[in-house]
Amino acid sequence: MAVVKGSKQVKMVVVPHRPRRYVLFWFSTVILTVVVGSGTYFYGYNAGMNENLNVRQERDQLRIQMESNQEQLQSLEQQVVNIEQASAVDRQSILELQNMLVDLREVNAQLEEDVLFYRQIMSPENTENGLVIGQLDLTGTEEENRVRYRIELKQLINNENVVSGHVNVNVVGIQNGQEVSMPLREMAVNEDRLDIRLQFRYFQNIEGELIVPENFEPESVQIVAESEGQNAKTVRKSFVWLVER
């Protein structure tokens, strides 16, 4: 081959043409790629499956633990309810016993008062004879201006005969800056008589409820009782207005 002087010379290598080797190289490359890709996929799949299995196992364990905790919680809640119910029963029992004791004490006090009352009636040492005004009880109610009253009248010593007569009750107080005497019938709920009838051998109680007017301030209660017949008698007694609450 002729060489031109002054031109750049490039060396060339002559390679034998082998098409089978080229095909084999290309096929090997493809196989290697497939093998590597498959291995990576199966490795990732197995790793994912193992991790998923671990997560499921952990989830199942947590679920079992949660169910166990829930059962324990329900058991504890039931124990609390049982204790509260027992405590409520105990408190209710104690309260009922206390109420019973209060009632019994009130009954005993009333019995003692009744016994004393009958002793006074039957006692020959009493200087009073015939109709007597005993006592006045004023008791408050849930309403501020509503009051229960009880007036006791009795017959001492000579109690073989029945006492007949009447009684007048007046509440004395201040109204609009002036002293006023107000009849019981103007304040009483179920009493419209000015002269309240009396008829008894040993004693008689006059009781009911009255309503105090808003502009009226009670100070005392004046009671006048009169008996009729052969031993007619008039007795008077004044009580300070004192309401027990």
Protein backbone atom coordinates (compact mmCIF):
# COMPACT_ATOMS: atom_id res chain seq x y z
CA MET A 1 0.00 0.00 0.00
CA ALA A 2 1.36 3.38 -0.93
CA VAL A 3 2.07 5.87 1.83
CA VAL A 4 1.54 9.54 1.27
CA LYS A 5 4.26 11.54 2.82
CA GLY A 6 3.19 14.04 5.46
CA SER A 7 -0.24 12.42 6.24
CA LYS A 8 -1.25 10.96 9.67
CA GLN A 9 -0.92 7.26 9.78
CA VAL A 10 -3.65 5.21 11.62
CA LYS A 11 -2.91 1.66 12.61
CA MET A 12 -5.63 -0.78 11.84
CA VAL A 13 -6.14 -4.23 13.36
CA VAL A 14 -7.70 -6.98 11.44
CA VAL A 15 -10.14 -9.04 13.62
CA PRO A 16 -11.47 -12.34 12.46
CA HIS A 17 -15.21 -12.36 11.85
CA ARG A 18 -16.81 -14.79 14.34
CA PRO A 19 -20.62 -14.34 14.48
CA ARG A 20 -21.23 -17.34 16.78
CA ARG A 21 -19.07 -15.85 19.54
CA TYR A 22 -21.01 -12.58 19.35
CA VAL A 23 -24.35 -14.34 19.63
CA LEU A 24 -23.07 -16.42 22.54
CA PHE A 25 -21.85 -13.28 24.35
CA TRP A 26 -25.16 -11.51 23.86
CA PHE A 27 -27.14 -14.56 25.02
CA SER A 28 -24.94 -14.94 28.13
CA THR A 29 -25.48 -11.30 28.99
CA VAL A 30 -29.24 -11.68 28.74
CA ILE A 31 -29.21 -14.85 30.85
CA LEU A 32 -27.06 -13.17 33.51
CA THR A 33 -29.38 -10.17 33.63
CA VAL A 34 -32.42 -12.41 34.01
CA VAL A 35 -30.75 -14.48 36.74
CA VAL A 36 -29.62 -11.42 38.68
CA GLY A 37 -33.04 -9.76 38.34
CA SER A 38 -34.87 -12.92 39.39
CA GLY A 39 -32.59 -13.38 42.36
CA THR A 40 -33.14 -9.82 43.45
CA TYR A 41 -36.91 -10.18 43.04
CA PHE A 42 -37.13 -13.44 44.98
CA TYR A 43 -34.85 -12.09 47.67
CA GLY A 44 -37.00 -9.01 48.04
CA TYR A 45 -40.16 -11.11 47.93
CA ASN A 46 -38.89 -13.51 50.58
CA ALA A 47 -37.69 -10.62 52.73
CA GLY A 48 -41.05 -8.91 52.34
CA MET A 49 -42.90 -12.11 53.16
CA ASN A 50 -40.77 -12.66 56.25
CA GLU A 51 -41.30 -9.08 57.38
CA ASN A 52 -45.04 -9.33 56.70
CA LEU A 53 -45.15 -12.55 58.70
CA ASN A 54 -43.36 -10.88 61.60
CA VAL A 55 -45.78 -7.96 61.47
CA ARG A 56 -48.75 -10.31 61.48
CA GLN A 57 -47.36 -12.27 64.40
CA GLU A 58 -46.72 -9.06 66.32
CA ARG A 59 -50.21 -7.84 65.44
CA ASP A 60 -51.75 -11.11 66.65
CA GLN A 61 -49.79 -10.93 69.89
CA LEU A 62 -50.91 -7.34 70.44
CA ARG A 63 -54.50 -8.34 69.72
CA ILE A 64 -54.30 -11.18 72.25
CA GLN A 65 -52.75 -8.84 74.81
CA MET A 66 -55.43 -6.22 74.13
CA GLU A 67 -58.21 -8.78 74.59
CA SER A 68 -56.62 -9.93 77.84
CA ASN A 69 -56.32 -6.34 79.06
CA GLN A 70 -59.93 -5.69 78.08
CA GLU A 71 -61.09 -8.69 80.11
CA GLN A 72 -59.07 -7.51 83.11
CA LEU A 73 -60.49 -4.00 82.71
CA GLN A 74 -64.06 -5.33 82.62
CA SER A 75 -63.35 -7.45 85.68
CA LEU A 76 -61.95 -4.45 87.57
CA GLU A 77 -64.90 -2.29 86.51
CA GLN A 78 -67.31 -4.94 87.79
CA GLN A 79 -65.42 -5.08 91.08
CA VAL A 80 -65.69 -1.30 91.38
CA VAL A 81 -69.44 -1.48 90.69
CA ASN A 82 -69.84 -4.23 93.29
CA ILE A 83 -67.91 -2.23 95.87
CA GLU A 84 -69.92 0.92 95.12
CA GLN A 85 -73.18 -1.00 95.37
CA ALA A 86 -72.10 -2.55 98.66
CA SER A 87 -71.05 0.86 99.95
CA ALA A 88 -74.35 2.36 98.82
CA VAL A 89 -76.25 -0.42 100.58
CA ASP A 90 -74.18 0.12 103.72
CA ARG A 91 -74.75 3.88 103.60
CA GLN A 92 -78.47 3.35 103.00
CA SER A 93 -78.67 0.88 105.89
CA ILE A 94 -76.84 3.28 108.19
CA LEU A 95 -79.09 6.13 107.10
CA GLU A 96 -82.21 4.04 107.70
CA LEU A 97 -80.97 3.04 111.14
CA GLN A 98 -80.22 6.66 111.97
CA ASN A 99 -83.71 7.68 110.85
CA MET A 100 -85.21 4.89 112.93
CA LEU A 101 -83.26 6.07 115.97
CA VAL A 102 -84.45 9.63 115.42
CA ASP A 103 -88.05 8.43 115.07
CA LEU A 104 -87.77 6.30 118.20
CA ARG A 105 -86.32 9.20 120.16
CA GLU A 106 -89.16 11.43 119.00
CA VAL A 107 -91.71 8.78 119.95
CA ASN A 108 -90.11 8.33 123.37
CA ALA A 109 -90.04 12.08 123.90
CA GLN A 110 -93.70 12.30 122.96
CA LEU A 111 -94.56 9.40 125.27
CA GLU A 112 -92.70 11.04 128.14
CA GLU A 113 -94.54 14.27 127.42
CA ASP A 114 -97.88 12.45 127.36
CA VAL A 115 -97.11 10.65 130.62
CA LEU A 116 -96.17 13.95 132.26
CA PHE A 117 -99.31 15.52 130.85
CA TYR A 118 -101.57 12.82 132.30
CA ARG A 119 -99.76 13.04 135.62
CA GLN A 120 -100.48 16.75 135.70
CA ILE A 121 -104.12 16.11 134.89
CA MET A 122 -104.60 13.44 137.53
CA SER A 123 -102.32 14.89 140.22
CA PRO A 124 -104.17 16.19 143.30
CA GLU A 125 -101.27 18.56 143.99
CA ASN A 126 -102.33 20.92 141.19
CA THR A 127 -103.74 24.15 142.50
CA GLU A 128 -105.52 24.85 139.21
CA ASN A 129 -108.92 23.38 138.65
CA GLY A 130 -111.09 22.92 135.58
CA LEU A 131 -110.22 24.42 132.19
CA VAL A 132 -106.54 25.24 131.65
CA ILE A 133 -104.59 26.48 128.61
CA GLY A 134 -101.60 24.18 128.30
CA GLN A 135 -98.98 25.10 125.73
CA LEU A 136 -98.56 26.50 122.23
CA ASP A 137 -96.26 24.87 119.67
CA LEU A 138 -95.22 26.73 116.51
CA THR A 139 -93.23 24.76 113.93
CA GLY A 140 -91.80 26.02 110.64
CA THR A 141 -92.40 24.41 107.26
CA GLU A 142 -90.59 24.42 103.93
CA GLU A 143 -92.38 27.67 103.08
CA GLU A 144 -90.91 30.63 104.90
CA ASN A 145 -94.24 32.24 105.84
CA ARG A 146 -96.18 29.01 106.51
CA VAL A 147 -96.29 27.79 110.14
CA ARG A 148 -97.86 24.79 111.88
CA TYR A 149 -99.56 25.49 115.20
CA ARG A 150 -100.85 23.33 118.04
CA ILE A 151 -102.77 24.69 121.04
CA GLU A 152 -103.25 22.42 124.03
CA LEU A 153 -106.22 22.81 126.38
CA LYS A 154 -106.91 20.49 129.32
CA GLN A 155 -109.03 19.96 132.43
CA LEU A 156 -107.29 19.44 135.77
CA ILE A 157 -108.46 17.54 138.86
CA ASN A 158 -112.19 17.71 138.26
CA ASN A 159 -112.21 15.74 135.04
CA GLU A 160 -115.32 13.71 135.69
CA ASN A 161 -117.38 16.14 133.64
CA VAL A 162 -117.01 17.09 130.00
CA VAL A 163 -115.80 20.63 129.36
CA SER A 164 -117.83 22.54 126.78
CA GLY A 165 -117.09 26.02 125.53
CA HIS A 166 -114.99 27.85 122.96
CA VAL A 167 -111.58 29.42 122.47
CA ASN A 168 -110.44 32.56 120.63
CA VAL A 169 -106.93 32.93 119.25
CA ASN A 170 -105.35 36.19 118.09
CA VAL A 171 -101.87 36.86 116.73
CA VAL A 172 -100.49 40.23 117.82
CA GLY A 173 -97.83 41.93 115.73
CA ILE A 174 -96.71 44.99 113.79
CA GLN A 175 -98.26 45.88 110.44
CA ASN A 176 -97.36 49.07 108.58
CA GLY A 177 -95.74 50.44 111.72
CA GLN A 178 -98.78 49.86 113.95
CA GLU A 179 -99.69 47.15 116.44
CA VAL A 180 -102.40 44.87 115.08
CA SER A 181 -104.32 41.96 116.61
CA MET A 182 -105.16 39.50 113.83
CA PRO A 183 -107.70 36.69 114.45
CA LEU A 184 -106.45 33.18 113.76
CA ARG A 185 -109.15 32.60 111.15
CA GLU A 186 -107.62 35.36 108.96
CA MET A 187 -104.30 33.51 108.89
CA ALA A 188 -105.28 29.84 109.27
CA VAL A 189 -105.48 27.61 106.21
CA ASN A 190 -108.41 25.42 107.35
CA GLU A 191 -110.01 27.40 110.16
CA ASP A 192 -112.68 30.00 109.45
CA ARG A 193 -114.34 30.16 112.89
CA LEU A 194 -113.77 33.02 115.27
CA ASP A 195 -115.01 30.95 118.24
CA ILE A 196 -113.40 27.52 118.04
CA ARG A 197 -115.59 24.91 119.73
CA LEU A 198 -114.32 23.04 122.81
CA GLN A 199 -115.67 19.75 124.12
CA PHE A 200 -113.47 17.30 126.00
CA ARG A 201 -112.98 15.50 129.30
CA TYR A 202 -109.21 15.35 129.66
CA PHE A 203 -107.67 17.47 126.90
CA GLN A 204 -108.17 18.84 123.40
CA ASN A 205 -105.61 19.97 120.82
CA ILE A 206 -106.38 22.65 118.27
CA GLU A 207 -103.94 22.41 115.39
CA GLY A 208 -103.45 23.37 111.78
CA GLU A 209 -101.37 25.65 109.58
CA LEU A 210 -101.37 29.40 109.16
CA ILE A 211 -99.84 31.79 106.65
CA VAL A 212 -98.19 34.98 107.89
CA PRO A 213 -98.86 37.98 105.61
CA GLU A 214 -95.75 39.51 104.06
CA ASN A 215 -96.23 42.90 105.72
CA PHE A 216 -97.06 41.45 109.14
CA GLU A 217 -94.49 40.71 111.87
CA PRO A 218 -95.96 38.50 114.65
CA GLU A 219 -94.80 39.14 118.21
CA SER A 220 -97.16 37.12 120.41
CA VAL A 221 -100.21 34.84 120.46
CA GLN A 222 -103.12 35.61 122.81
CA ILE A 223 -105.51 32.79 123.73
CA VAL A 224 -108.81 33.19 125.55
CA ALA A 225 -110.78 30.05 126.46
CA GLU A 226 -114.24 30.00 128.05
CA SER A 227 -116.11 27.04 129.48
CA GLU A 228 -119.88 26.86 129.86
CA GLY A 229 -122.23 25.41 132.43
CA GLN A 230 -122.36 25.41 136.21
CA ASN A 231 -118.61 25.76 136.62
CA ALA A 232 -118.12 28.28 133.81
CA LYS A 233 -114.62 29.66 133.63
CA THR A 234 -112.60 32.05 131.47
CA VAL A 235 -108.84 31.64 131.17
CA ARG A 236 -106.31 33.76 129.28
CA LYS A 237 -102.74 33.13 128.32
CA SER A 238 -100.21 34.90 126.11
CA PHE A 239 -97.28 33.24 124.34
CA VAL A 240 -94.27 34.80 122.67
CA TRP A 241 -94.18 34.14 118.91
CA LEU A 242 -91.36 31.62 118.64
CA VAL A 243 -91.21 29.30 115.63
CA GLU A 244 -89.11 26.14 115.84
CA ARG A 245 -87.20 25.36 112.64
